[in-house]
Amino acid sequence: MSASRQRLSEGRWHFQHGPMDIVIGADPLGPADQRALAEAHEHAWARFVPLLSELMDEWALLRLPVQAGHPCPLQGGVARRMWQACLPWAAQQFITPMAAVAGSVAQELIRSYERPGVARAWVNNGGDIALHLTSCQSARVGLYADLARLQAHECMQGLSLDGAFEVTHTMPVRGVATSGWRGRSFSFGIADSVTVLAATAAQADAAASIIANAVNVEHAGIVRQSAQTLRDMTDLGDLAVTVDVPHLPVAWVQQALQSGLQCARECQAEGFISGAVLVCQGQSLTLPMSSGNASVFFQDEGLALA
């Protein structure tokens, strides 16, 4: 299957190639900068076309866990970015570069828009987002608490947001990523969603995976299954991933969220993330940015913000 692109409404573009499903939006700095914007779109497309092949050329290495204290064995720029984004957690737990693949691809493409004449741009790779913001620019990012609900309705119009937040150019945030057991990727935890704000999309992607894994409890009703029985060529091998979570008592959900929040706090203290929102079965915890200039506004009255 070859790469394809389609122009969408409001000047957006849809790029698709295999598992990479990307929507890009960008604004010119002024009316005279339409050509610069068009050139940025063409540059992004030219970079996108070979990306899947580049990653598949190193697929065997990308499936191996990152090893702390060892040099990066990868050659491609995106592959190396994936590896570096996952390195901070390699000494403590199992993680492969694939934990940061979507964010790293988005980050690679946003570079096409970091040029004169482009006021702002966003690259959304299946929910993992890279941002380009010039002075006085901002981006409003929607939050869906339940990834399964989003996927079930992703082709429908009018799906209401659970929350939203704004990223301004003065904030140390240029990447937003979400992970959870009901998303496209596997998780060891039970979070419906963990949304992370970080300096880059690759860092946000890796951290979201780690924190979502930490939102966890041991409960007999939680069903886990070997990853390799669920998907061919998975990087997780025979590790058990979450496939079903029953309705849990409130105290159990809070315990899982607190475990994830502690992990998020450690990530923030190390400078890996700026903030996070953790959601599980209608309950949520927020790790605010240390500067206090970012807030998540929940719009669903049934979602309890703790």
C-alpha atoms as a PDB file:
ATOM      1  CA  MET A   1       0.000   0.000   0.000  1.00  0.00           C
ATOM      2  CA  SER A   2       1.414   3.367  -0.997  1.00  0.00           C
ATOM      3  CA  ALA A   3       1.128   6.613   0.915  1.00  0.00           C
ATOM      4  CA  SER A   4      -1.914   8.764   0.147  1.00  0.00           C
ATOM      5  CA  ARG A   5      -3.049  12.277   0.963  1.00  0.00           C
ATOM      6  CA  GLN A   6      -6.292  14.173   0.833  1.00  0.00           C
ATOM      7  CA  ARG A   7      -7.134  17.813   1.332  1.00  0.00           C
ATOM      8  CA  LEU A   8      -9.727  18.334   4.063  1.00  0.00           C
ATOM      9  CA  SER A   9     -11.864  21.301   5.037  1.00  0.00           C
ATOM     10  CA  GLU A  10     -10.362  24.410   6.612  1.00  0.00           C
ATOM     11  CA  GLY A  11      -7.072  23.894   4.794  1.00  0.00           C
ATOM     12  CA  ARG A  12      -6.183  20.702   6.656  1.00  0.00           C
ATOM     13  CA  TRP A  13      -4.480  17.672   5.129  1.00  0.00           C
ATOM     14  CA  HIS A  14      -4.915  13.948   5.776  1.00  0.00           C
ATOM     15  CA  PHE A  15      -1.815  11.764   5.242  1.00  0.00           C
ATOM     16  CA  GLN A  16      -2.195   7.985   5.451  1.00  0.00           C
ATOM     17  CA  HIS A  17       0.231   5.096   5.020  1.00  0.00           C
ATOM     18  CA  GLY A  18      -0.314   1.749   6.715  1.00  0.00           C
ATOM     19  CA  PRO A  19      -0.797   2.378  10.454  1.00  0.00           C
ATOM     20  CA  MET A  20       0.144   6.059  10.147  1.00  0.00           C
ATOM     21  CA  ASP A  21      -3.054   8.134  10.017  1.00  0.00           C
ATOM     22  CA  ILE A  22      -2.269  11.822  10.270  1.00  0.00           C
ATOM     23  CA  VAL A  23      -4.230  15.066  10.151  1.00  0.00           C
ATOM     24  CA  ILE A  24      -2.303  18.315   9.750  1.00  0.00           C
ATOM     25  CA  GLY A  25      -3.510  21.867  10.228  1.00  0.00           C
ATOM     26  CA  ALA A  26      -1.530  25.078   9.789  1.00  0.00           C
ATOM     27  CA  ASP A  27      -2.064  28.831   9.480  1.00  0.00           C
ATOM     28  CA  PRO A  28      -0.009  31.371   7.533  1.00  0.00           C
ATOM     29  CA  LEU A  29       1.458  34.322   9.354  1.00  0.00           C
ATOM     30  CA  GLY A  30      -0.361  36.695   7.021  1.00  0.00           C
ATOM     31  CA  PRO A  31      -2.209  36.828   3.675  1.00  0.00           C
ATOM     32  CA  ALA A  32       1.106  37.111   1.831  1.00  0.00           C
ATOM     33  CA  ASP A  33       2.406  33.856   3.332  1.00  0.00           C
ATOM     34  CA  GLN A  34       0.144  31.373   1.559  1.00  0.00           C
ATOM     35  CA  ARG A  35       3.032  30.256  -0.636  1.00  0.00           C
ATOM     36  CA  ALA A  36       5.213  29.558   2.393  1.00  0.00           C
ATOM     37  CA  LEU A  37       2.410  27.488   3.883  1.00  0.00           C
ATOM     38  CA  ALA A  38       1.921  25.542   0.653  1.00  0.00           C
ATOM     39  CA  GLU A  39       5.654  24.822   0.539  1.00  0.00           C
ATOM     40  CA  ALA A  40       5.527  23.591   4.133  1.00  0.00           C
ATOM     41  CA  HIS A  41       2.714  21.174   3.268  1.00  0.00           C
ATOM     42  CA  GLU A  42       4.677  19.850   0.293  1.00  0.00           C
ATOM     43  CA  HIS A  43       7.795  19.449   2.410  1.00  0.00           C
ATOM     44  CA  ALA A  44       5.808  17.527   5.036  1.00  0.00           C
ATOM     45  CA  TRP A  45       4.354  15.244   2.352  1.00  0.00           C
ATOM     46  CA  ALA A  46       7.778  14.568   0.833  1.00  0.00           C
ATOM     47  CA  ARG A  47       9.089  13.646   4.292  1.00  0.00           C
ATOM     48  CA  PHE A  48       6.054  11.504   5.100  1.00  0.00           C
ATOM     49  CA  VAL A  49       6.171   9.256   2.031  1.00  0.00           C
ATOM     50  CA  PRO A  50       9.347   7.290   2.937  1.00  0.00           C
ATOM     51  CA  LEU A  51       8.800   7.228   6.716  1.00  0.00           C
ATOM     52  CA  LEU A  52       7.097   3.847   6.971  1.00  0.00           C
ATOM     53  CA  SER A  53       9.766   2.161   4.869  1.00  0.00           C
ATOM     54  CA  GLU A  54      12.490   3.759   6.981  1.00  0.00           C
ATOM     55  CA  LEU A  55      10.946   2.379  10.149  1.00  0.00           C
ATOM     56  CA  MET A  56      10.328  -1.068   8.695  1.00  0.00           C
ATOM     57  CA  ASP A  57      13.989  -1.268   7.641  1.00  0.00           C
ATOM     58  CA  GLU A  58      14.840  -1.234  11.365  1.00  0.00           C
ATOM     59  CA  TRP A  59      11.779  -3.111  12.581  1.00  0.00           C
ATOM     60  CA  ALA A  60      13.755  -5.936  14.179  1.00  0.00           C
ATOM     61  CA  LEU A  61      15.680  -3.495  16.375  1.00  0.00           C
ATOM     62  CA  LEU A  62      12.636  -1.329  17.131  1.00  0.00           C
ATOM     63  CA  ARG A  63      10.950  -4.354  18.735  1.00  0.00           C
ATOM     64  CA  LEU A  64      13.812  -4.887  21.194  1.00  0.00           C
ATOM     65  CA  PRO A  65      13.734  -3.271  24.656  1.00  0.00           C
ATOM     66  CA  VAL A  66      15.800  -0.138  25.135  1.00  0.00           C
ATOM     67  CA  GLN A  67      18.852  -0.920  27.246  1.00  0.00           C
ATOM     68  CA  ALA A  68      20.217   1.716  29.590  1.00  0.00           C
ATOM     69  CA  GLY A  69      23.953   2.175  29.421  1.00  0.00           C
ATOM     70  CA  HIS A  70      24.162   0.908  25.839  1.00  0.00           C
ATOM     71  CA  PRO A  71      24.540   3.050  22.711  1.00  0.00           C
ATOM     72  CA  CYS A  72      21.538   3.483  20.470  1.00  0.00           C
ATOM     73  CA  PRO A  73      21.677   0.731  17.800  1.00  0.00           C
ATOM     74  CA  LEU A  74      19.315   2.537  15.398  1.00  0.00           C
ATOM     75  CA  GLN A  75      20.279   4.600  12.368  1.00  0.00           C
ATOM     76  CA  GLY A  76      17.244   6.559  11.152  1.00  0.00           C
ATOM     77  CA  GLY A  77      16.452   9.944  12.657  1.00  0.00           C
ATOM     78  CA  VAL A  78      12.895   9.042  13.685  1.00  0.00           C
ATOM     79  CA  ALA A  79      13.963   5.640  15.032  1.00  0.00           C
ATOM     80  CA  ARG A  80      16.710   7.229  17.111  1.00  0.00           C
ATOM     81  CA  ARG A  81      14.249   9.802  18.449  1.00  0.00           C
ATOM     82  CA  MET A  82      11.949   6.972  19.535  1.00  0.00           C
ATOM     83  CA  TRP A  83      14.815   5.241  21.334  1.00  0.00           C
ATOM     84  CA  GLN A  84      15.961   8.417  23.099  1.00  0.00           C
ATOM     85  CA  ALA A  85      12.409   9.250  24.242  1.00  0.00           C
ATOM     86  CA  CYS A  86      12.119   5.840  25.931  1.00  0.00           C
ATOM     87  CA  LEU A  87      15.619   5.746  27.437  1.00  0.00           C
ATOM     88  CA  PRO A  88      14.745   7.445  30.780  1.00  0.00           C
ATOM     89  CA  TRP A  89      12.672   4.426  31.845  1.00  0.00           C
ATOM     90  CA  ALA A  90      14.813   1.641  30.410  1.00  0.00           C
ATOM     91  CA  ALA A  91      16.702   0.932  33.644  1.00  0.00           C
ATOM     92  CA  GLN A  92      13.518   0.404  35.666  1.00  0.00           C
ATOM     93  CA  GLN A  93      11.131  -1.409  33.308  1.00  0.00           C
ATOM     94  CA  PHE A  94      10.519  -3.016  29.950  1.00  0.00           C
ATOM     95  CA  ILE A  95      10.079  -0.469  27.171  1.00  0.00           C
ATOM     96  CA  THR A  96      10.793  -0.585  23.451  1.00  0.00           C
ATOM     97  CA  PRO A  97      11.166   2.367  21.076  1.00  0.00           C
ATOM     98  CA  MET A  98       7.684   1.593  19.750  1.00  0.00           C
ATOM     99  CA  ALA A  99       6.255   3.283  22.846  1.00  0.00           C
ATOM    100  CA  ALA A 100       7.128   6.603  21.194  1.00  0.00           C
ATOM    101  CA  VAL A 101       6.516   5.850  17.511  1.00  0.00           C
ATOM    102  CA  ALA A 102       3.394   7.968  16.901  1.00  0.00           C
ATOM    103  CA  GLY A 103       4.734  11.006  18.714  1.00  0.00           C
ATOM    104  CA  SER A 104       8.116  10.722  17.021  1.00  0.00           C
ATOM    105  CA  VAL A 105       6.539  10.639  13.564  1.00  0.00           C
ATOM    106  CA  ALA A 106       4.398  13.675  14.404  1.00  0.00           C
ATOM    107  CA  GLN A 107       7.477  15.480  15.692  1.00  0.00           C
ATOM    108  CA  GLU A 108       9.350  14.714  12.479  1.00  0.00           C
ATOM    109  CA  LEU A 109       6.601  16.217  10.334  1.00  0.00           C
ATOM    110  CA  ILE A 110       6.096  19.357  12.426  1.00  0.00           C
ATOM    111  CA  ARG A 111       9.639  20.365  11.497  1.00  0.00           C
ATOM    112  CA  SER A 112       8.367  21.120   7.976  1.00  0.00           C
ATOM    113  CA  TYR A 113       6.296  23.976   9.394  1.00  0.00           C
ATOM    114  CA  GLU A 114       8.995  25.573  11.527  1.00  0.00           C
ATOM    115  CA  ARG A 115       9.786  28.173   8.882  1.00  0.00           C
ATOM    116  CA  PRO A 116       9.110  31.851   8.200  1.00  0.00           C
ATOM    117  CA  GLY A 117       5.552  32.540   7.140  1.00  0.00           C
ATOM    118  CA  VAL A 118       3.889  29.792   9.206  1.00  0.00           C
ATOM    119  CA  ALA A 119       2.215  31.155  12.323  1.00  0.00           C
ATOM    120  CA  ARG A 120       1.205  27.858  13.869  1.00  0.00           C
ATOM    121  CA  ALA A 121       0.747  24.215  12.931  1.00  0.00           C
ATOM    122  CA  TRP A 122      -0.291  20.929  14.465  1.00  0.00           C
ATOM    123  CA  VAL A 123       0.325  17.339  13.401  1.00  0.00           C
ATOM    124  CA  ASN A 124      -2.102  14.829  14.913  1.00  0.00           C
ATOM    125  CA  ASN A 125      -0.951  11.222  14.519  1.00  0.00           C
ATOM    126  CA  GLY A 126      -3.805   9.159  15.928  1.00  0.00           C
ATOM    127  CA  GLY A 127      -4.132  11.432  18.958  1.00  0.00           C
ATOM    128  CA  ASP A 128      -0.439  12.109  19.533  1.00  0.00           C
ATOM    129  CA  ILE A 129       0.165  15.727  18.602  1.00  0.00           C
ATOM    130  CA  ALA A 130       3.172  17.870  17.742  1.00  0.00           C
ATOM    131  CA  LEU A 131       2.772  21.664  17.791  1.00  0.00           C
ATOM    132  CA  HIS A 132       4.467  24.647  16.190  1.00  0.00           C
ATOM    133  CA  LEU A 133       3.537  27.975  17.778  1.00  0.00           C
ATOM    134  CA  THR A 134       5.029  31.370  17.041  1.00  0.00           C
ATOM    135  CA  SER A 135       4.691  34.477  19.215  1.00  0.00           C
ATOM    136  CA  CYS A 136       1.154  35.136  20.498  1.00  0.00           C
ATOM    137  CA  GLN A 137      -0.154  31.886  18.982  1.00  0.00           C
ATOM    138  CA  SER A 138      -1.957  29.098  20.828  1.00  0.00           C
ATOM    139  CA  ALA A 139      -3.674  25.782  20.178  1.00  0.00           C
ATOM    140  CA  ARG A 140      -6.768  24.414  21.871  1.00  0.00           C
ATOM    141  CA  VAL A 141      -6.587  20.664  22.433  1.00  0.00           C
ATOM    142  CA  GLY A 142      -9.647  18.531  23.112  1.00  0.00           C
ATOM    143  CA  LEU A 143      -9.679  15.722  25.651  1.00  0.00           C
ATOM    144  CA  TYR A 144     -11.658  12.493  25.322  1.00  0.00           C
ATOM    145  CA  ALA A 145     -11.729  10.589  28.583  1.00  0.00           C
ATOM    146  CA  ASP A 146     -12.667   7.221  27.051  1.00  0.00           C
ATOM    147  CA  LEU A 147     -10.499   6.191  24.085  1.00  0.00           C
ATOM    148  CA  ALA A 148     -12.878   3.366  23.147  1.00  0.00           C
ATOM    149  CA  ARG A 149     -15.758   5.815  22.818  1.00  0.00           C
ATOM    150  CA  LEU A 150     -13.638   8.042  20.625  1.00  0.00           C
ATOM    151  CA  GLN A 151     -12.678   5.175  18.319  1.00  0.00           C
ATOM    152  CA  ALA A 152     -16.267   3.975  18.054  1.00  0.00           C
ATOM    153  CA  HIS A 153     -17.394   7.422  16.900  1.00  0.00           C
ATOM    154  CA  GLU A 154     -14.278   8.721  15.139  1.00  0.00           C
ATOM    155  CA  CYS A 155     -16.066   8.766  11.776  1.00  0.00           C
ATOM    156  CA  MET A 156     -19.033  10.682  13.175  1.00  0.00           C
ATOM    157  CA  GLN A 157     -19.470  14.412  13.517  1.00  0.00           C
ATOM    158  CA  GLY A 158     -20.417  16.145  16.727  1.00  0.00           C
ATOM    159  CA  LEU A 159     -18.752  13.901  19.297  1.00  0.00           C
ATOM    160  CA  SER A 160     -18.631  16.041  22.423  1.00  0.00           C
ATOM    161  CA  LEU A 161     -15.398  16.646  24.266  1.00  0.00           C
ATOM    162  CA  ASP A 162     -14.947  15.647  27.897  1.00  0.00           C
ATOM    163  CA  GLY A 163     -12.544  18.513  28.397  1.00  0.00           C
ATOM    164  CA  ALA A 164     -10.131  20.882  26.719  1.00  0.00           C
ATOM    165  CA  PHE A 165      -7.010  22.866  27.417  1.00  0.00           C
ATOM    166  CA  GLU A 166      -5.052  25.560  25.640  1.00  0.00           C
ATOM    167  CA  VAL A 167      -1.342  25.469  24.865  1.00  0.00           C
ATOM    168  CA  THR A 168       0.217  28.891  24.315  1.00  0.00           C
ATOM    169  CA  HIS A 169       3.563  29.705  22.753  1.00  0.00           C
ATOM    170  CA  THR A 170       4.965  30.766  26.148  1.00  0.00           C
ATOM    171  CA  MET A 171       4.363  27.319  27.665  1.00  0.00           C
ATOM    172  CA  PRO A 172       7.139  24.678  27.570  1.00  0.00           C
ATOM    173  CA  VAL A 173       4.803  22.346  25.697  1.00  0.00           C
ATOM    174  CA  ARG A 174       5.022  21.306  22.060  1.00  0.00           C
ATOM    175  CA  GLY A 175       3.792  17.740  22.401  1.00  0.00           C
ATOM    176  CA  VAL A 176       0.574  16.139  23.629  1.00  0.00           C
ATOM    177  CA  ALA A 177      -0.028  12.376  23.729  1.00  0.00           C
ATOM    178  CA  THR A 178      -2.642   9.990  25.105  1.00  0.00           C
ATOM    179  CA  SER A 179      -2.437   6.336  26.105  1.00  0.00           C
ATOM    180  CA  GLY A 180      -4.747   3.825  27.764  1.00  0.00           C
ATOM    181  CA  TRP A 181      -5.852   0.214  27.698  1.00  0.00           C
ATOM    182  CA  ARG A 182      -8.740   0.970  25.347  1.00  0.00           C
ATOM    183  CA  GLY A 183      -6.642   2.793  22.776  1.00  0.00           C
ATOM    184  CA  ARG A 184      -4.948   1.565  19.614  1.00  0.00           C
ATOM    185  CA  SER A 185      -1.877   0.446  21.536  1.00  0.00           C
ATOM    186  CA  PHE A 186      -1.577  -2.107  24.303  1.00  0.00           C
ATOM    187  CA  SER A 187      -1.252  -1.158  27.967  1.00  0.00           C
ATOM    188  CA  PHE A 188      -0.344  -2.987  31.156  1.00  0.00           C
ATOM    189  CA  GLY A 189      -2.650  -0.707  33.182  1.00  0.00           C
ATOM    190  CA  ILE A 190      -6.357   0.060  33.410  1.00  0.00           C
ATOM    191  CA  ALA A 191      -6.509   3.775  32.597  1.00  0.00           C
ATOM    192  CA  ASP A 192      -9.215   4.752  30.134  1.00  0.00           C
ATOM    193  CA  SER A 193      -6.870   7.538  29.116  1.00  0.00           C
ATOM    194  CA  VAL A 194      -3.727   9.311  30.245  1.00  0.00           C
ATOM    195  CA  THR A 195      -3.012  12.571  28.455  1.00  0.00           C
ATOM    196  CA  VAL A 196       0.465  14.052  28.829  1.00  0.00           C
ATOM    197  CA  LEU A 197       1.867  17.478  27.977  1.00  0.00           C
ATOM    198  CA  ALA A 198       5.605  17.602  27.305  1.00  0.00           C
ATOM    199  CA  ALA A 199       8.287  19.552  25.503  1.00  0.00           C
ATOM    200  CA  THR A 200       8.085  17.271  22.466  1.00  0.00           C
ATOM    201  CA  ALA A 201       5.585  14.822  21.009  1.00  0.00           C
ATOM    202  CA  ALA A 202       8.048  11.931  21.321  1.00  0.00           C
ATOM    203  CA  GLN A 203       8.575  12.601  25.025  1.00  0.00           C
ATOM    204  CA  ALA A 204       4.834  12.949  25.590  1.00  0.00           C
ATOM    205  CA  ASP A 205       4.150   9.662  23.799  1.00  0.00           C
ATOM    206  CA  ALA A 206       6.663   7.640  25.785  1.00  0.00           C
ATOM    207  CA  ALA A 207       5.612   9.179  29.107  1.00  0.00           C
ATOM    208  CA  ALA A 208       1.904   8.642  28.413  1.00  0.00           C
ATOM    209  CA  SER A 209       2.599   4.938  27.882  1.00  0.00           C
ATOM    210  CA  ILE A 210       4.595   4.677  31.105  1.00  0.00           C
ATOM    211  CA  ILE A 211       2.042   6.538  33.224  1.00  0.00           C
ATOM    212  CA  ALA A 212      -0.900   4.613  31.729  1.00  0.00           C
ATOM    213  CA  ASN A 213       0.873   1.382  32.668  1.00  0.00           C
ATOM    214  CA  ALA A 214       1.184   2.659  36.232  1.00  0.00           C
ATOM    215  CA  VAL A 215      -2.566   3.299  36.579  1.00  0.00           C
ATOM    216  CA  ASN A 216      -3.113  -0.196  37.857  1.00  0.00           C
ATOM    217  CA  VAL A 217      -4.393  -2.479  40.607  1.00  0.00           C
ATOM    218  CA  GLU A 218      -4.507  -6.235  41.077  1.00  0.00           C
ATOM    219  CA  HIS A 219      -8.150  -7.302  40.805  1.00  0.00           C
ATOM    220  CA  ALA A 220      -9.456 -10.758  39.923  1.00  0.00           C
ATOM    221  CA  GLY A 221     -11.905  -9.328  37.391  1.00  0.00           C
ATOM    222  CA  ILE A 222      -9.254  -7.631  35.248  1.00  0.00           C
ATOM    223  CA  VAL A 223      -8.518  -9.762  32.187  1.00  0.00           C
ATOM    224  CA  ARG A 224      -5.024  -9.816  30.750  1.00  0.00           C
ATOM    225  CA  GLN A 225      -3.686 -11.750  27.793  1.00  0.00           C
ATOM    226  CA  SER A 226      -0.359 -12.351  26.095  1.00  0.00           C
ATOM    227  CA  ALA A 227       0.227  -9.567  23.587  1.00  0.00           C
ATOM    228  CA  GLN A 228       1.495 -11.917  20.884  1.00  0.00           C
ATOM    229  CA  THR A 229      -1.807 -13.806  20.897  1.00  0.00           C
ATOM    230  CA  LEU A 230      -3.620 -10.565  20.116  1.00  0.00           C
ATOM    231  CA  ARG A 231      -1.431  -9.060  17.409  1.00  0.00           C
ATOM    232  CA  ASP A 232       1.190 -10.419  15.065  1.00  0.00           C
ATOM    233  CA  MET A 233       4.672  -8.863  15.245  1.00  0.00           C
ATOM    234  CA  THR A 234       3.954  -7.034  18.512  1.00  0.00           C
ATOM    235  CA  ASP A 235       6.976  -5.628  20.298  1.00  0.00           C
ATOM    236  CA  LEU A 236       5.592  -6.848  23.658  1.00  0.00           C
ATOM    237  CA  GLY A 237       5.999 -10.568  22.974  1.00  0.00           C
ATOM    238  CA  ASP A 238       4.326 -12.749  25.588  1.00  0.00           C
ATOM    239  CA  LEU A 239       3.882  -9.974  28.160  1.00  0.00           C
ATOM    240  CA  ALA A 240       0.336  -9.813  29.505  1.00  0.00           C
ATOM    241  CA  VAL A 241      -1.639  -6.730  28.443  1.00  0.00           C
ATOM    242  CA  THR A 242      -5.037  -5.540  29.609  1.00  0.00           C
ATOM    243  CA  VAL A 243      -7.985  -6.660  27.473  1.00  0.00           C
ATOM    244  CA  ASP A 244     -10.962  -6.122  29.791  1.00  0.00           C
ATOM    245  CA  VAL A 245     -11.657  -4.203  32.986  1.00  0.00           C
ATOM    246  CA  PRO A 246     -14.904  -4.674  34.944  1.00  0.00           C
ATOM    247  CA  HIS A 247     -16.639  -1.899  36.815  1.00  0.00           C
ATOM    248  CA  LEU A 248     -14.500  -1.426  39.917  1.00  0.00           C
ATOM    249  CA  PRO A 249     -15.342   0.043  43.336  1.00  0.00           C
ATOM    250  CA  VAL A 250     -14.487   3.718  43.655  1.00  0.00           C
ATOM    251  CA  ALA A 251     -11.721   3.002  46.167  1.00  0.00           C
ATOM    252  CA  TRP A 252     -10.004   0.618  43.747  1.00  0.00           C
ATOM    253  CA  VAL A 253     -10.179   3.165  40.936  1.00  0.00           C
ATOM    254  CA  GLN A 254      -8.702   5.835  43.193  1.00  0.00           C
ATOM    255  CA  GLN A 255      -5.911   3.479  44.193  1.00  0.00           C
ATOM    256  CA  ALA A 256      -5.052   2.886  40.528  1.00  0.00           C
ATOM    257  CA  LEU A 257      -5.173   6.603  39.736  1.00  0.00           C
ATOM    258  CA  GLN A 258      -2.985   7.477  42.717  1.00  0.00           C
ATOM    259  CA  SER A 259      -0.406   4.957  41.530  1.00  0.00           C
ATOM    260  CA  GLY A 260      -0.406   6.587  38.102  1.00  0.00           C
ATOM    261  CA  LEU A 261      -0.269  10.076  39.615  1.00  0.00           C
ATOM    262  CA  GLN A 262       2.813   9.160  41.616  1.00  0.00           C
ATOM    263  CA  CYS A 263       4.487   7.993  38.425  1.00  0.00           C
ATOM    264  CA  ALA A 264       3.466  11.238  36.698  1.00  0.00           C
ATOM    265  CA  ARG A 265       4.892  13.301  39.553  1.00  0.00           C
ATOM    266  CA  GLU A 266       8.202  11.478  39.246  1.00  0.00           C
ATOM    267  CA  CYS A 267       8.223  12.127  35.499  1.00  0.00           C
ATOM    268  CA  GLN A 268       7.542  15.809  36.107  1.00  0.00           C
ATOM    269  CA  ALA A 269      10.212  16.062  38.800  1.00  0.00           C
ATOM    270  CA  GLU A 270      12.764  14.637  36.348  1.00  0.00           C
ATOM    271  CA  GLY A 271      11.718  17.165  33.713  1.00  0.00           C
ATOM    272  CA  PHE A 272      10.267  14.595  31.312  1.00  0.00           C
ATOM    273  CA  ILE A 273       6.725  16.028  31.269  1.00  0.00           C
ATOM    274  CA  SER A 274       4.983  19.319  32.034  1.00  0.00           C
ATOM    275  CA  GLY A 275       1.585  18.019  33.169  1.00  0.00           C
ATOM    276  CA  ALA A 276      -0.894  15.166  32.836  1.00  0.00           C
ATOM    277  CA  VAL A 277      -4.541  14.154  33.139  1.00  0.00           C
ATOM    278  CA  LEU A 278      -5.382  10.615  34.254  1.00  0.00           C
ATOM    279  CA  VAL A 279      -8.878   9.159  33.753  1.00  0.00           C
ATOM    280  CA  CYS A 280     -10.343   5.831  34.851  1.00  0.00           C
ATOM    281  CA  GLN A 281     -14.015   4.851  35.009  1.00  0.00           C
ATOM    282  CA  GLY A 282     -15.390   8.363  35.353  1.00  0.00           C
ATOM    283  CA  GLN A 283     -12.822   9.532  37.873  1.00  0.00           C
ATOM    284  CA  SER A 284      -9.784  11.667  37.119  1.00  0.00           C
ATOM    285  CA  LEU A 285      -6.672  13.159  38.634  1.00  0.00           C
ATOM    286  CA  THR A 286      -4.738  16.076  37.198  1.00  0.00           C
ATOM    287  CA  LEU A 287      -1.059  16.846  37.559  1.00  0.00           C
ATOM    288  CA  PRO A 288      -0.917  20.594  36.888  1.00  0.00           C
ATOM    289  CA  MET A 289       2.041  22.259  35.271  1.00  0.00           C
ATOM    290  CA  SER A 290       4.507  23.512  37.838  1.00  0.00           C
ATOM    291  CA  SER A 291       4.122  27.041  36.470  1.00  0.00           C
ATOM    292  CA  GLY A 292       0.393  26.841  37.085  1.00  0.00           C
ATOM    293  CA  ASN A 293      -0.478  28.362  33.725  1.00  0.00           C
ATOM    294  CA  ALA A 294      -2.341  25.413  32.226  1.00  0.00           C
ATOM    295  CA  SER A 295      -5.746  24.115  33.244  1.00  0.00           C
ATOM    296  CA  VAL A 296      -7.985  21.351  31.997  1.00  0.00           C
ATOM    297  CA  PHE A 297     -11.640  22.279  31.820  1.00  0.00           C
ATOM    298  CA  PHE A 298     -13.892  19.255  32.195  1.00  0.00           C
ATOM    299  CA  GLN A 299     -17.242  19.652  30.509  1.00  0.00           C
ATOM    300  CA  ASP A 300     -18.849  16.342  31.462  1.00  0.00           C
ATOM    301  CA  GLU A 301     -20.505  16.687  34.853  1.00  0.00           C
ATOM    302  CA  GLY A 302     -20.212  12.932  35.299  1.00  0.00           C
ATOM    303  CA  LEU A 303     -16.417  13.116  35.259  1.00  0.00           C
ATOM    304  CA  ALA A 304     -15.154  13.700  38.789  1.00  0.00           C
ATOM    305  CA  LEU A 305     -12.104  15.949  38.909  1.00  0.00           C
ATOM    306  CA  ALA A 306     -10.150  15.116  42.062  1.00  0.00           C
END
